[in-house]
């Protein structure tokens, strides 16, 4: 699992105050990436991938796209988010063009995961 041996960090930044209040929470817990192995694919790696273009629609989220394009595995939502350099669904607007790298096993090997 990609979270194995990762530190848990907290986020208490004022930017997230409304988000936290709406959820009756004081902080967000997340896994730190640390130095990690993730890197954006270079040109030779991109040639190994098939890139699917997708227009973001109302109600879309990365987990649902991962479920659809990655053989019913929504936990790989982060692959699409990282590839599009959009860490949150909220950063994507209706009508935005999203790129989905496939096949998943090739993407994961490029990301060293």
PDB file of N, CA and C in Angstrom:
ATOM      1  N   UNK A   1       0.852  -1.184   0.000  1.00  0.00           N
ATOM      2  CA  UNK A   1       0.000   0.000   0.000  1.00  0.00           C
ATOM      3  C   UNK A   1       0.893   1.241   0.000  1.00  0.00           C
ATOM      4  N   UNK A   2       0.495   2.256  -0.736  1.00  0.00           N
ATOM      5  CA  UNK A   2       1.345   3.431  -0.873  1.00  0.00           C
ATOM      6  C   UNK A   2       1.472   4.250   0.398  1.00  0.00           C
ATOM      7  N   UNK A   3       0.605   4.035   1.403  1.00  0.00           N
ATOM      8  CA  UNK A   3       0.669   4.793   2.641  1.00  0.00           C
ATOM      9  C   UNK A   3       1.530   4.123   3.698  1.00  0.00           C
ATOM     10  N   UNK A   4       2.005   2.933   3.410  1.00  0.00           N
ATOM     11  CA  UNK A   4       2.812   2.206   4.371  1.00  0.00           C
ATOM     12  C   UNK A   4       4.067   3.013   4.701  1.00  0.00           C
ATOM     13  N   UNK A   5       4.367   3.112   5.966  1.00  0.00           N
ATOM     14  CA  UNK A   5       5.548   3.827   6.466  1.00  0.00           C
ATOM     15  C   UNK A   5       5.512   5.332   6.203  1.00  0.00           C
ATOM     16  N   UNK A   6       4.341   5.903   6.014  1.00  0.00           N
ATOM     17  CA  UNK A   6       4.227   7.348   5.815  1.00  0.00           C
ATOM     18  C   UNK A   6       3.811   8.006   7.131  1.00  0.00           C
ATOM     19  N   UNK A   7       4.337   9.176   7.385  1.00  0.00           N
ATOM     20  CA  UNK A   7       3.972   9.935   8.574  1.00  0.00           C
ATOM     21  C   UNK A   7       2.593  10.557   8.379  1.00  0.00           C
ATOM     22  N   UNK A   8       1.858  10.669   9.480  1.00  0.00           N
ATOM     23  CA  UNK A   8       0.571  11.366   9.444  1.00  0.00           C
ATOM     24  C   UNK A   8       0.819  12.799   9.900  1.00  0.00           C
ATOM     25  N   UNK A   9       0.381  13.749   9.105  1.00  0.00           N
ATOM     26  CA  UNK A   9       0.541  15.166   9.415  1.00  0.00           C
ATOM     27  C   UNK A   9      -0.834  15.791   9.609  1.00  0.00           C
ATOM     28  N   UNK A  10      -0.853  16.993  10.118  1.00  0.00           N
ATOM     29  CA  UNK A  10      -2.125  17.703  10.288  1.00  0.00           C
ATOM     30  C   UNK A  10      -2.040  19.045   9.585  1.00  0.00           C
ATOM     31  N   UNK A  11      -3.185  19.512   9.166  1.00  0.00           N
ATOM     32  CA  UNK A  11      -3.296  20.792   8.484  1.00  0.00           C
ATOM     33  C   UNK A  11      -4.319  21.626   9.239  1.00  0.00           C
ATOM     34  N   UNK A  12      -3.867  22.756   9.752  1.00  0.00           N
ATOM     35  CA  UNK A  12      -4.745  23.622  10.530  1.00  0.00           C
ATOM     36  C   UNK A  12      -4.715  25.055   9.991  1.00  0.00           C
ATOM     37  N   UNK A  13      -4.432  25.201   8.731  1.00  0.00           N
ATOM     38  CA  UNK A  13      -4.265  26.507   8.097  1.00  0.00           C
ATOM     39  C   UNK A  13      -5.593  27.271   8.067  1.00  0.00           C
ATOM     40  N   UNK A  14      -5.574  28.590   8.272  1.00  0.00           N
ATOM     41  CA  UNK A  14      -6.810  29.394   8.228  1.00  0.00           C
ATOM     42  C   UNK A  14      -7.547  29.310   6.892  1.00  0.00           C
ATOM     43  N   UNK A  15      -6.837  29.005   5.816  1.00  0.00           N
ATOM     44  CA  UNK A  15      -7.458  28.866   4.501  1.00  0.00           C
ATOM     45  C   UNK A  15      -8.587  27.837   4.528  1.00  0.00           C
ATOM     46  N   UNK A  16      -8.463  26.829   5.391  1.00  0.00           N
ATOM     47  CA  UNK A  16      -9.431  25.740   5.456  1.00  0.00           C
ATOM     48  C   UNK A  16     -10.478  25.929   6.557  1.00  0.00           C
ATOM     49  N   UNK A  17     -10.529  27.107   7.162  1.00  0.00           N
ATOM     50  CA  UNK A  17     -11.405  27.337   8.306  1.00  0.00           C
ATOM     51  C   UNK A  17     -12.865  27.005   8.003  1.00  0.00           C
ATOM     52  N   UNK A  18     -13.417  27.517   6.916  1.00  0.00           N
ATOM     53  CA  UNK A  18     -14.822  27.247   6.586  1.00  0.00           C
ATOM     54  C   UNK A  18     -15.034  25.757   6.339  1.00  0.00           C
ATOM     55  N   UNK A  19     -14.141  25.136   5.605  1.00  0.00           N
ATOM     56  CA  UNK A  19     -14.217  23.698   5.342  1.00  0.00           C
ATOM     57  C   UNK A  19     -14.268  22.925   6.659  1.00  0.00           C
ATOM     58  N   UNK A  20     -13.389  23.285   7.584  1.00  0.00           N
ATOM     59  CA  UNK A  20     -13.345  22.597   8.871  1.00  0.00           C
ATOM     60  C   UNK A  20     -14.605  22.854   9.688  1.00  0.00           C
ATOM     61  N   UNK A  21     -15.054  24.098   9.709  1.00  0.00           N
ATOM     62  CA  UNK A  21     -16.270  24.436  10.459  1.00  0.00           C
ATOM     63  C   UNK A  21     -17.475  23.681   9.916  1.00  0.00           C
ATOM     64  N   UNK A  22     -17.596  23.587   8.605  1.00  0.00           N
ATOM     65  CA  UNK A  22     -18.720  22.868   7.999  1.00  0.00           C
ATOM     66  C   UNK A  22     -18.740  21.403   8.394  1.00  0.00           C
ATOM     67  N   UNK A  23     -17.601  20.872   8.730  1.00  0.00           N
ATOM     68  CA  UNK A  23     -17.492  19.454   9.091  1.00  0.00           C
ATOM     69  C   UNK A  23     -17.271  19.244  10.588  1.00  0.00           C
ATOM     70  N   UNK A  24     -17.406  20.336  11.336  1.00  0.00           N
ATOM     71  CA  UNK A  24     -17.217  20.300  12.788  1.00  0.00           C
ATOM     72  C   UNK A  24     -15.883  19.644  13.146  1.00  0.00           C
ATOM     73  N   UNK A  25     -14.842  20.072  12.442  1.00  0.00           N
ATOM     74  CA  UNK A  25     -13.508  19.523  12.661  1.00  0.00           C
ATOM     75  C   UNK A  25     -12.543  20.646  13.007  1.00  0.00           C
ATOM     76  N   UNK A  26     -11.468  20.297  13.694  1.00  0.00           N
ATOM     77  CA  UNK A  26     -10.462  21.283  14.066  1.00  0.00           C
ATOM     78  C   UNK A  26      -9.229  21.229  13.176  1.00  0.00           C
ATOM     79  N   UNK A  27      -9.002  20.076  12.553  1.00  0.00           N
ATOM     80  CA  UNK A  27      -7.833  19.935  11.695  1.00  0.00           C
ATOM     81  C   UNK A  27      -8.063  18.818  10.698  1.00  0.00           C
ATOM     82  N   UNK A  28      -7.209  18.790   9.672  1.00  0.00           N
ATOM     83  CA  UNK A  28      -7.236  17.753   8.653  1.00  0.00           C
ATOM     84  C   UNK A  28      -6.004  16.883   8.875  1.00  0.00           C
ATOM     85  N   UNK A  29      -6.209  15.572   8.891  1.00  0.00           N
ATOM     86  CA  UNK A  29      -5.081  14.643   8.973  1.00  0.00           C
ATOM     87  C   UNK A  29      -4.812  14.103   7.569  1.00  0.00           C
ATOM     88  N   UNK A  30      -3.555  13.990   7.221  1.00  0.00           N
ATOM     89  CA  UNK A  30      -3.194  13.444   5.923  1.00  0.00           C
ATOM     90  C   UNK A  30      -1.843  12.755   6.015  1.00  0.00           C
ATOM     91  N   UNK A  31      -1.526  11.960   5.014  1.00  0.00           N
ATOM     92  CA  UNK A  31      -0.245  11.286   4.956  1.00  0.00           C
ATOM     93  C   UNK A  31       0.763  12.176   4.250  1.00  0.00           C
ATOM     94  N   UNK A  32       1.908  12.359   4.871  1.00  0.00           N
ATOM     95  CA  UNK A  32       2.964  13.126   4.238  1.00  0.00           C
ATOM     96  C   UNK A  32       3.593  12.308   3.119  1.00  0.00           C
ATOM     97  N   UNK A  33       3.941  12.961   2.041  1.00  0.00           N
ATOM     98  CA  UNK A  33       4.629  12.268   0.958  1.00  0.00           C
ATOM     99  C   UNK A  33       6.126  12.176   1.216  1.00  0.00           C
ATOM    100  N   UNK A  34       6.648  13.073   2.011  1.00  0.00           N
ATOM    101  CA  UNK A  34       8.087  13.047   2.244  1.00  0.00           C
ATOM    102  C   UNK A  34       8.819  13.286   0.937  1.00  0.00           C
ATOM    103  N   UNK A  35       9.989  12.701   0.805  1.00  0.00           N
ATOM    104  CA  UNK A  35      10.733  12.882  -0.438  1.00  0.00           C
ATOM    105  C   UNK A  35      10.054  12.126  -1.571  1.00  0.00           C
ATOM    106  N   UNK A  36       9.459  10.974  -1.255  1.00  0.00           N
ATOM    107  CA  UNK A  36       8.658  10.225  -2.208  1.00  0.00           C
ATOM    108  C   UNK A  36       9.351   9.933  -3.525  1.00  0.00           C
ATOM    109  N   UNK A  37       8.706   9.110  -4.323  1.00  0.00           N
ATOM    110  CA  UNK A  37       9.244   8.737  -5.618  1.00  0.00           C
ATOM    111  C   UNK A  37       8.468   9.371  -6.763  1.00  0.00           C
ATOM    112  N   UNK A  38       7.391  10.057  -6.462  1.00  0.00           N
ATOM    113  CA  UNK A  38       6.547  10.574  -7.528  1.00  0.00           C
ATOM    114  C   UNK A  38       7.263  11.665  -8.319  1.00  0.00           C
ATOM    115  N   UNK A  39       7.138  11.554  -9.593  1.00  0.00           N
ATOM    116  CA  UNK A  39       7.625  12.599 -10.489  1.00  0.00           C
ATOM    117  C   UNK A  39       6.688  12.613 -11.699  1.00  0.00           C
ATOM    118  N   UNK A  40       6.579  13.769 -12.292  1.00  0.00           N
ATOM    119  CA  UNK A  40       5.749  13.868 -13.478  1.00  0.00           C
ATOM    120  C   UNK A  40       6.472  13.146 -14.612  1.00  0.00           C
ATOM    121  N   UNK A  41       5.751  12.338 -15.400  1.00  0.00           N
ATOM    122  CA  UNK A  41       6.414  11.577 -16.477  1.00  0.00           C
ATOM    123  C   UNK A  41       7.164  12.489 -17.450  1.00  0.00           C
ATOM    124  N   UNK A  42       8.375  12.090 -17.780  1.00  0.00           N
ATOM    125  CA  UNK A  42       9.135  12.839 -18.782  1.00  0.00           C
ATOM    126  C   UNK A  42       8.667  12.428 -20.176  1.00  0.00           C
ATOM    127  N   UNK A  43       9.266  12.994 -21.212  1.00  0.00           N
ATOM    128  CA  UNK A  43       8.779  12.759 -22.575  1.00  0.00           C
ATOM    129  C   UNK A  43       8.891  11.292 -22.989  1.00  0.00           C
ATOM    130  N   UNK A  44       9.959  10.604 -22.593  1.00  0.00           N
ATOM    131  CA  UNK A  44      10.075   9.186 -22.966  1.00  0.00           C
ATOM    132  C   UNK A  44       9.043   8.336 -22.231  1.00  0.00           C
ATOM    133  N   UNK A  45       8.752   8.683 -20.991  1.00  0.00           N
ATOM    134  CA  UNK A  45       7.725   7.952 -20.231  1.00  0.00           C
ATOM    135  C   UNK A  45       6.328   8.225 -20.787  1.00  0.00           C
ATOM    136  N   UNK A  46       6.096   9.457 -21.211  1.00  0.00           N
ATOM    137  CA  UNK A  46       4.783   9.805 -21.779  1.00  0.00           C
ATOM    138  C   UNK A  46       4.492   8.975 -23.017  1.00  0.00           C
ATOM    139  N   UNK A  47       5.522   8.648 -23.793  1.00  0.00           N
ATOM    140  CA  UNK A  47       5.327   7.842 -25.003  1.00  0.00           C
ATOM    141  C   UNK A  47       4.843   6.437 -24.677  1.00  0.00           C
ATOM    142  N   UNK A  48       5.043   5.989 -23.451  1.00  0.00           N
ATOM    143  CA  UNK A  48       4.627   4.655 -23.027  1.00  0.00           C
ATOM    144  C   UNK A  48       3.160   4.611 -22.585  1.00  0.00           C
ATOM    145  N   UNK A  49       2.560   5.792 -22.468  1.00  0.00           N
ATOM    146  CA  UNK A  49       1.198   5.876 -21.933  1.00  0.00           C
ATOM    147  C   UNK A  49       0.184   6.176 -23.023  1.00  0.00           C
ATOM    148  N   UNK A  50      -1.032   5.747 -22.780  1.00  0.00           N
ATOM    149  CA  UNK A  50      -2.177   6.173 -23.570  1.00  0.00           C
ATOM    150  C   UNK A  50      -2.891   7.208 -22.709  1.00  0.00           C
ATOM    151  N   UNK A  51      -3.147   8.366 -23.276  1.00  0.00           N
ATOM    152  CA  UNK A  51      -3.774   9.440 -22.520  1.00  0.00           C
ATOM    153  C   UNK A  51      -5.205   9.618 -23.018  1.00  0.00           C
ATOM    154  N   UNK A  52      -6.150   9.463 -22.101  1.00  0.00           N
ATOM    155  CA  UNK A  52      -7.562   9.639 -22.420  1.00  0.00           C
ATOM    156  C   UNK A  52      -7.960  11.065 -22.053  1.00  0.00           C
ATOM    157  N   UNK A  53      -8.570  11.783 -22.973  1.00  0.00           N
ATOM    158  CA  UNK A  53      -9.080  13.125 -22.696  1.00  0.00           C
ATOM    159  C   UNK A  53     -10.502  13.013 -22.172  1.00  0.00           C
ATOM    160  N   UNK A  54     -10.808  13.786 -21.148  1.00  0.00           N
ATOM    161  CA  UNK A  54     -12.128  13.720 -20.517  1.00  0.00           C
ATOM    162  C   UNK A  54     -12.550  15.133 -20.139  1.00  0.00           C
ATOM    163  N   UNK A  55     -13.783  15.489 -20.466  1.00  0.00           N
ATOM    164  CA  UNK A  55     -14.331  16.791 -20.089  1.00  0.00           C
ATOM    165  C   UNK A  55     -15.036  16.646 -18.732  1.00  0.00           C
ATOM    166  N   UNK A  56     -14.581  17.424 -17.761  1.00  0.00           N
ATOM    167  CA  UNK A  56     -15.132  17.387 -16.395  1.00  0.00           C
ATOM    168  C   UNK A  56     -16.584  17.832 -16.417  1.00  0.00           C
ATOM    169  N   UNK A  57     -17.441  17.021 -15.816  1.00  0.00           N
ATOM    170  CA  UNK A  57     -18.879  17.295 -15.779  1.00  0.00           C
ATOM    171  C   UNK A  57     -19.351  17.521 -14.352  1.00  0.00           C
ATOM    172  N   UNK A  58     -20.522  18.078 -14.223  1.00  0.00           N
ATOM    173  CA  UNK A  58     -21.132  18.277 -12.914  1.00  0.00           C
ATOM    174  C   UNK A  58     -21.228  16.932 -12.188  1.00  0.00           C
ATOM    175  N   UNK A  59     -20.779  16.879 -10.949  1.00  0.00           N
ATOM    176  CA  UNK A  59     -20.837  15.660 -10.162  1.00  0.00           C
ATOM    177  C   UNK A  59     -19.605  14.781 -10.272  1.00  0.00           C
ATOM    178  N   UNK A  60     -18.663  15.122 -11.155  1.00  0.00           N
ATOM    179  CA  UNK A  60     -17.444  14.319 -11.301  1.00  0.00           C
ATOM    180  C   UNK A  60     -16.528  14.487 -10.091  1.00  0.00           C
ATOM    181  N   UNK A  61     -15.744  13.466  -9.844  1.00  0.00           N
ATOM    182  CA  UNK A  61     -14.639  13.542  -8.891  1.00  0.00           C
ATOM    183  C   UNK A  61     -13.593  12.525  -9.317  1.00  0.00           C
ATOM    184  N   UNK A  62     -12.391  12.690  -8.790  1.00  0.00           N
ATOM    185  CA  UNK A  62     -11.281  11.836  -9.212  1.00  0.00           C
ATOM    186  C   UNK A  62     -11.516  10.370  -8.875  1.00  0.00           C
ATOM    187  N   UNK A  63     -12.131  10.106  -7.739  1.00  0.00           N
ATOM    188  CA  UNK A  63     -12.379   8.711  -7.343  1.00  0.00           C
ATOM    189  C   UNK A  63     -13.314   8.024  -8.335  1.00  0.00           C
ATOM    190  N   UNK A  64     -14.359   8.726  -8.770  1.00  0.00           N
ATOM    191  CA  UNK A  64     -15.280   8.130  -9.738  1.00  0.00           C
ATOM    192  C   UNK A  64     -14.603   7.887 -11.088  1.00  0.00           C
ATOM    193  N   UNK A  65     -13.730   8.806 -11.488  1.00  0.00           N
ATOM    194  CA  UNK A  65     -13.007   8.607 -12.750  1.00  0.00           C
ATOM    195  C   UNK A  65     -12.043   7.431 -12.631  1.00  0.00           C
ATOM    196  N   UNK A  66     -11.380   7.307 -11.499  1.00  0.00           N
ATOM    197  CA  UNK A  66     -10.485   6.167 -11.292  1.00  0.00           C
ATOM    198  C   UNK A  66     -11.284   4.863 -11.321  1.00  0.00           C
ATOM    199  N   UNK A  67     -12.451   4.869 -10.717  1.00  0.00           N
ATOM    200  CA  UNK A  67     -13.315   3.685 -10.730  1.00  0.00           C
ATOM    201  C   UNK A  67     -13.653   3.297 -12.171  1.00  0.00           C
ATOM    202  N   UNK A  68     -13.986   4.304 -12.970  1.00  0.00           N
ATOM    203  CA  UNK A  68     -14.388   4.070 -14.360  1.00  0.00           C
ATOM    204  C   UNK A  68     -13.215   3.633 -15.250  1.00  0.00           C
ATOM    205  N   UNK A  69     -12.079   4.291 -15.109  1.00  0.00           N
ATOM    206  CA  UNK A  69     -10.965   4.054 -16.028  1.00  0.00           C
ATOM    207  C   UNK A  69      -9.931   3.058 -15.516  1.00  0.00           C
ATOM    208  N   UNK A  70      -9.930   2.772 -14.227  1.00  0.00           N
ATOM    209  CA  UNK A  70      -8.928   1.882 -13.644  1.00  0.00           C
ATOM    210  C   UNK A  70      -9.545   0.629 -13.046  1.00  0.00           C
ATOM    211  N   UNK A  71     -10.429   0.001 -13.797  1.00  0.00           N
ATOM    212  CA  UNK A  71     -10.970  -1.301 -13.429  1.00  0.00           C
ATOM    213  C   UNK A  71     -11.590  -1.335 -12.027  1.00  0.00           C
ATOM    214  N   UNK A  72     -12.445  -0.362 -11.763  1.00  0.00           N
ATOM    215  CA  UNK A  72     -13.192  -0.297 -10.504  1.00  0.00           C
ATOM    216  C   UNK A  72     -12.296  -0.167  -9.277  1.00  0.00           C
ATOM    217  N   UNK A  73     -11.241   0.638  -9.402  1.00  0.00           N
ATOM    218  CA  UNK A  73     -10.338   0.872  -8.278  1.00  0.00           C
ATOM    219  C   UNK A  73     -10.267   2.368  -7.963  1.00  0.00           C
ATOM    220  N   UNK A  74     -11.237   2.876  -7.212  1.00  0.00           N
ATOM    221  CA  UNK A  74     -11.278   4.313  -6.928  1.00  0.00           C
ATOM    222  C   UNK A  74     -10.107   4.812  -6.090  1.00  0.00           C
ATOM    223  N   UNK A  75      -9.409   3.898  -5.389  1.00  0.00           N
ATOM    224  CA  UNK A  75      -8.301   4.342  -4.543  1.00  0.00           C
ATOM    225  C   UNK A  75      -7.137   4.912  -5.347  1.00  0.00           C
ATOM    226  N   UNK A  76      -7.167   4.769  -6.662  1.00  0.00           N
ATOM    227  CA  UNK A  76      -6.126   5.360  -7.499  1.00  0.00           C
ATOM    228  C   UNK A  76      -6.527   6.731  -8.048  1.00  0.00           C
ATOM    229  N   UNK A  77      -7.445   7.392  -7.366  1.00  0.00           N
ATOM    230  CA  UNK A  77      -7.868   8.743  -7.738  1.00  0.00           C
ATOM    231  C   UNK A  77      -6.664   9.682  -7.822  1.00  0.00           C
ATOM    232  N   UNK A  78      -5.695   9.462  -6.926  1.00  0.00           N
ATOM    233  CA  UNK A  78      -4.535  10.345  -6.836  1.00  0.00           C
ATOM    234  C   UNK A  78      -3.700  10.323  -8.110  1.00  0.00           C
ATOM    235  N   UNK A  79      -3.759   9.234  -8.886  1.00  0.00           N
ATOM    236  CA  UNK A  79      -2.998   9.151 -10.135  1.00  0.00           C
ATOM    237  C   UNK A  79      -3.501  10.219 -11.103  1.00  0.00           C
ATOM    238  N   UNK A  80      -4.812  10.318 -11.230  1.00  0.00           N
ATOM    239  CA  UNK A  80      -5.413  11.311 -12.131  1.00  0.00           C
ATOM    240  C   UNK A  80      -5.162  12.719 -11.601  1.00  0.00           C
ATOM    241  N   UNK A  81      -5.320  12.892 -10.297  1.00  0.00           N
ATOM    242  CA  UNK A  81      -5.097  14.207  -9.684  1.00  0.00           C
ATOM    243  C   UNK A  81      -3.651  14.656  -9.889  1.00  0.00           C
ATOM    244  N   UNK A  82      -2.696  13.771  -9.606  1.00  0.00           N
ATOM    245  CA  UNK A  82      -1.282  14.113  -9.752  1.00  0.00           C
ATOM    246  C   UNK A  82      -0.928  14.389 -11.208  1.00  0.00           C
ATOM    247  N   UNK A  83      -1.425  13.567 -12.113  1.00  0.00           N
ATOM    248  CA  UNK A  83      -1.121  13.735 -13.524  1.00  0.00           C
ATOM    249  C   UNK A  83      -1.613  15.087 -14.041  1.00  0.00           C
ATOM    250  N   UNK A  84      -2.771  15.532 -13.535  1.00  0.00           N
ATOM    251  CA  UNK A  84      -3.341  16.812 -13.958  1.00  0.00           C
ATOM    252  C   UNK A  84      -2.888  17.978 -13.088  1.00  0.00           C
ATOM    253  N   UNK A  85      -2.039  17.688 -12.111  1.00  0.00           N
ATOM    254  CA  UNK A  85      -1.523  18.697 -11.190  1.00  0.00           C
ATOM    255  C   UNK A  85      -2.649  19.470 -10.512  1.00  0.00           C
ATOM    256  N   UNK A  86      -3.680  18.707 -10.123  1.00  0.00           N
ATOM    257  CA  UNK A  86      -4.839  19.245  -9.404  1.00  0.00           C
ATOM    258  C   UNK A  86      -5.046  18.359  -8.168  1.00  0.00           C
ATOM    259  N   UNK A  87      -4.484  18.709  -7.036  1.00  0.00           N
ATOM    260  CA  UNK A  87      -4.557  17.827  -5.872  1.00  0.00           C
ATOM    261  C   UNK A  87      -5.954  17.664  -5.275  1.00  0.00           C
ATOM    262  N   UNK A  88      -6.871  18.543  -5.615  1.00  0.00           N
ATOM    263  CA  UNK A  88      -8.234  18.471  -5.084  1.00  0.00           C
ATOM    264  C   UNK A  88      -9.261  18.539  -6.203  1.00  0.00           C
ATOM    265  N   UNK A  89     -10.347  17.798  -6.038  1.00  0.00           N
ATOM    266  CA  UNK A  89     -11.441  17.865  -7.009  1.00  0.00           C
ATOM    267  C   UNK A  89     -11.965  19.293  -7.163  1.00  0.00           C
ATOM    268  N   UNK A  90     -11.935  20.034  -6.076  1.00  0.00           N
ATOM    269  CA  UNK A  90     -12.486  21.389  -6.080  1.00  0.00           C
ATOM    270  C   UNK A  90     -11.712  22.346  -6.980  1.00  0.00           C
ATOM    271  N   UNK A  91     -10.531  21.958  -7.402  1.00  0.00           N
ATOM    272  CA  UNK A  91      -9.729  22.803  -8.281  1.00  0.00           C
ATOM    273  C   UNK A  91     -10.071  22.609  -9.760  1.00  0.00           C
ATOM    274  N   UNK A  92     -10.955  21.658 -10.041  1.00  0.00           N
ATOM    275  CA  UNK A  92     -11.367  21.394 -11.414  1.00  0.00           C
ATOM    276  C   UNK A  92     -12.760  21.991 -11.621  1.00  0.00           C
ATOM    277  N   UNK A  93     -12.939  22.680 -12.716  1.00  0.00           N
ATOM    278  CA  UNK A  93     -14.229  23.322 -13.019  1.00  0.00           C
ATOM    279  C   UNK A  93     -14.956  22.540 -14.112  1.00  0.00           C
ATOM    280  N   UNK A  94     -16.267  22.630 -14.096  1.00  0.00           N
ATOM    281  CA  UNK A  94     -17.078  22.003 -15.142  1.00  0.00           C
ATOM    282  C   UNK A  94     -16.592  22.517 -16.497  1.00  0.00           C
ATOM    283  N   UNK A  95     -16.347  21.589 -17.408  1.00  0.00           N
ATOM    284  CA  UNK A  95     -15.868  21.944 -18.738  1.00  0.00           C
ATOM    285  C   UNK A  95     -14.357  21.855 -18.889  1.00  0.00           C
ATOM    286  N   UNK A  96     -13.625  21.714 -17.767  1.00  0.00           N
ATOM    287  CA  UNK A  96     -12.170  21.584 -17.854  1.00  0.00           C
ATOM    288  C   UNK A  96     -11.807  20.256 -18.526  1.00  0.00           C
ATOM    289  N   UNK A  97     -10.717  20.279 -19.274  1.00  0.00           N
ATOM    290  CA  UNK A  97     -10.212  19.074 -19.913  1.00  0.00           C
ATOM    291  C   UNK A  97      -9.258  18.376 -18.944  1.00  0.00           C
ATOM    292  N   UNK A  98      -9.568  17.125 -18.641  1.00  0.00           N
ATOM    293  CA  UNK A  98      -8.760  16.312 -17.734  1.00  0.00           C
ATOM    294  C   UNK A  98      -8.109  15.204 -18.564  1.00  0.00           C
ATOM    295  N   UNK A  99      -6.889  14.863 -18.222  1.00  0.00           N
ATOM    296  CA  UNK A  99      -6.183  13.797 -18.917  1.00  0.00           C
ATOM    297  C   UNK A  99      -6.018  12.607 -17.974  1.00  0.00           C
ATOM    298  N   UNK A 100      -6.370  11.438 -18.460  1.00  0.00           N
ATOM    299  CA  UNK A 100      -6.300  10.224 -17.660  1.00  0.00           C
ATOM    300  C   UNK A 100      -5.254   9.308 -18.282  1.00  0.00           C
ATOM    301  N   UNK A 101      -4.125   9.114 -17.570  1.00  0.00           N
ATOM    302  CA  UNK A 101      -3.071   8.257 -18.099  1.00  0.00           C
ATOM    303  C   UNK A 101      -3.427   6.784 -17.920  1.00  0.00           C
ATOM    304  N   UNK A 102      -3.234   6.010 -18.964  1.00  0.00           N
ATOM    305  CA  UNK A 102      -3.481   4.581 -18.913  1.00  0.00           C
ATOM    306  C   UNK A 102      -2.344   3.878 -19.660  1.00  0.00           C
ATOM    307  N   UNK A 103      -2.157   2.602 -19.484  1.00  0.00           N
ATOM    308  CA  UNK A 103      -2.790   1.709 -18.525  1.00  0.00           C
ATOM    309  C   UNK A 103      -2.235   1.946 -17.114  1.00  0.00           C
ATOM    310  N   UNK A 104      -3.047   1.640 -16.126  1.00  0.00           N
ATOM    311  CA  UNK A 104      -2.691   1.929 -14.740  1.00  0.00           C
ATOM    312  C   UNK A 104      -1.370   1.269 -14.336  1.00  0.00           C
ATOM    313  N   UNK A 105      -1.155   0.028 -14.699  1.00  0.00           N
ATOM    314  CA  UNK A 105       0.082  -0.650 -14.285  1.00  0.00           C
ATOM    315  C   UNK A 105       1.320   0.063 -14.821  1.00  0.00           C
ATOM    316  N   UNK A 106       1.245   0.616 -16.012  1.00  0.00           N
ATOM    317  CA  UNK A 106       2.371   1.352 -16.592  1.00  0.00           C
ATOM    318  C   UNK A 106       2.577   2.681 -15.848  1.00  0.00           C
ATOM    319  N   UNK A 107       1.468   3.367 -15.535  1.00  0.00           N
ATOM    320  CA  UNK A 107       1.563   4.627 -14.804  1.00  0.00           C
ATOM    321  C   UNK A 107       2.207   4.391 -13.436  1.00  0.00           C
ATOM    322  N   UNK A 108       1.756   3.355 -12.747  1.00  0.00           N
ATOM    323  CA  UNK A 108       2.296   3.056 -11.420  1.00  0.00           C
ATOM    324  C   UNK A 108       3.783   2.700 -11.491  1.00  0.00           C
ATOM    325  N   UNK A 109       4.187   2.031 -12.551  1.00  0.00           N
ATOM    326  CA  UNK A 109       5.617   1.703 -12.681  1.00  0.00           C
ATOM    327  C   UNK A 109       6.436   2.961 -12.928  1.00  0.00           C
ATOM    328  N   UNK A 110       5.906   3.899 -13.685  1.00  0.00           N
ATOM    329  CA  UNK A 110       6.592   5.182 -13.906  1.00  0.00           C
ATOM    330  C   UNK A 110       6.697   5.956 -12.600  1.00  0.00           C
ATOM    331  N   UNK A 111       5.619   5.912 -11.793  1.00  0.00           N
ATOM    332  CA  UNK A 111       5.607   6.607 -10.501  1.00  0.00           C
ATOM    333  C   UNK A 111       6.368   5.824  -9.429  1.00  0.00           C
ATOM    334  N   UNK A 112       6.908   4.655  -9.787  1.00  0.00           N
ATOM    335  CA  UNK A 112       7.636   3.825  -8.826  1.00  0.00           C
ATOM    336  C   UNK A 112       6.787   3.443  -7.621  1.00  0.00           C
ATOM    337  N   UNK A 113       5.526   3.134  -7.886  1.00  0.00           N
ATOM    338  CA  UNK A 113       4.608   2.753  -6.795  1.00  0.00           C
ATOM    339  C   UNK A 113       4.316   1.277  -6.910  1.00  0.00           C
TER     340      UNK A 113
END
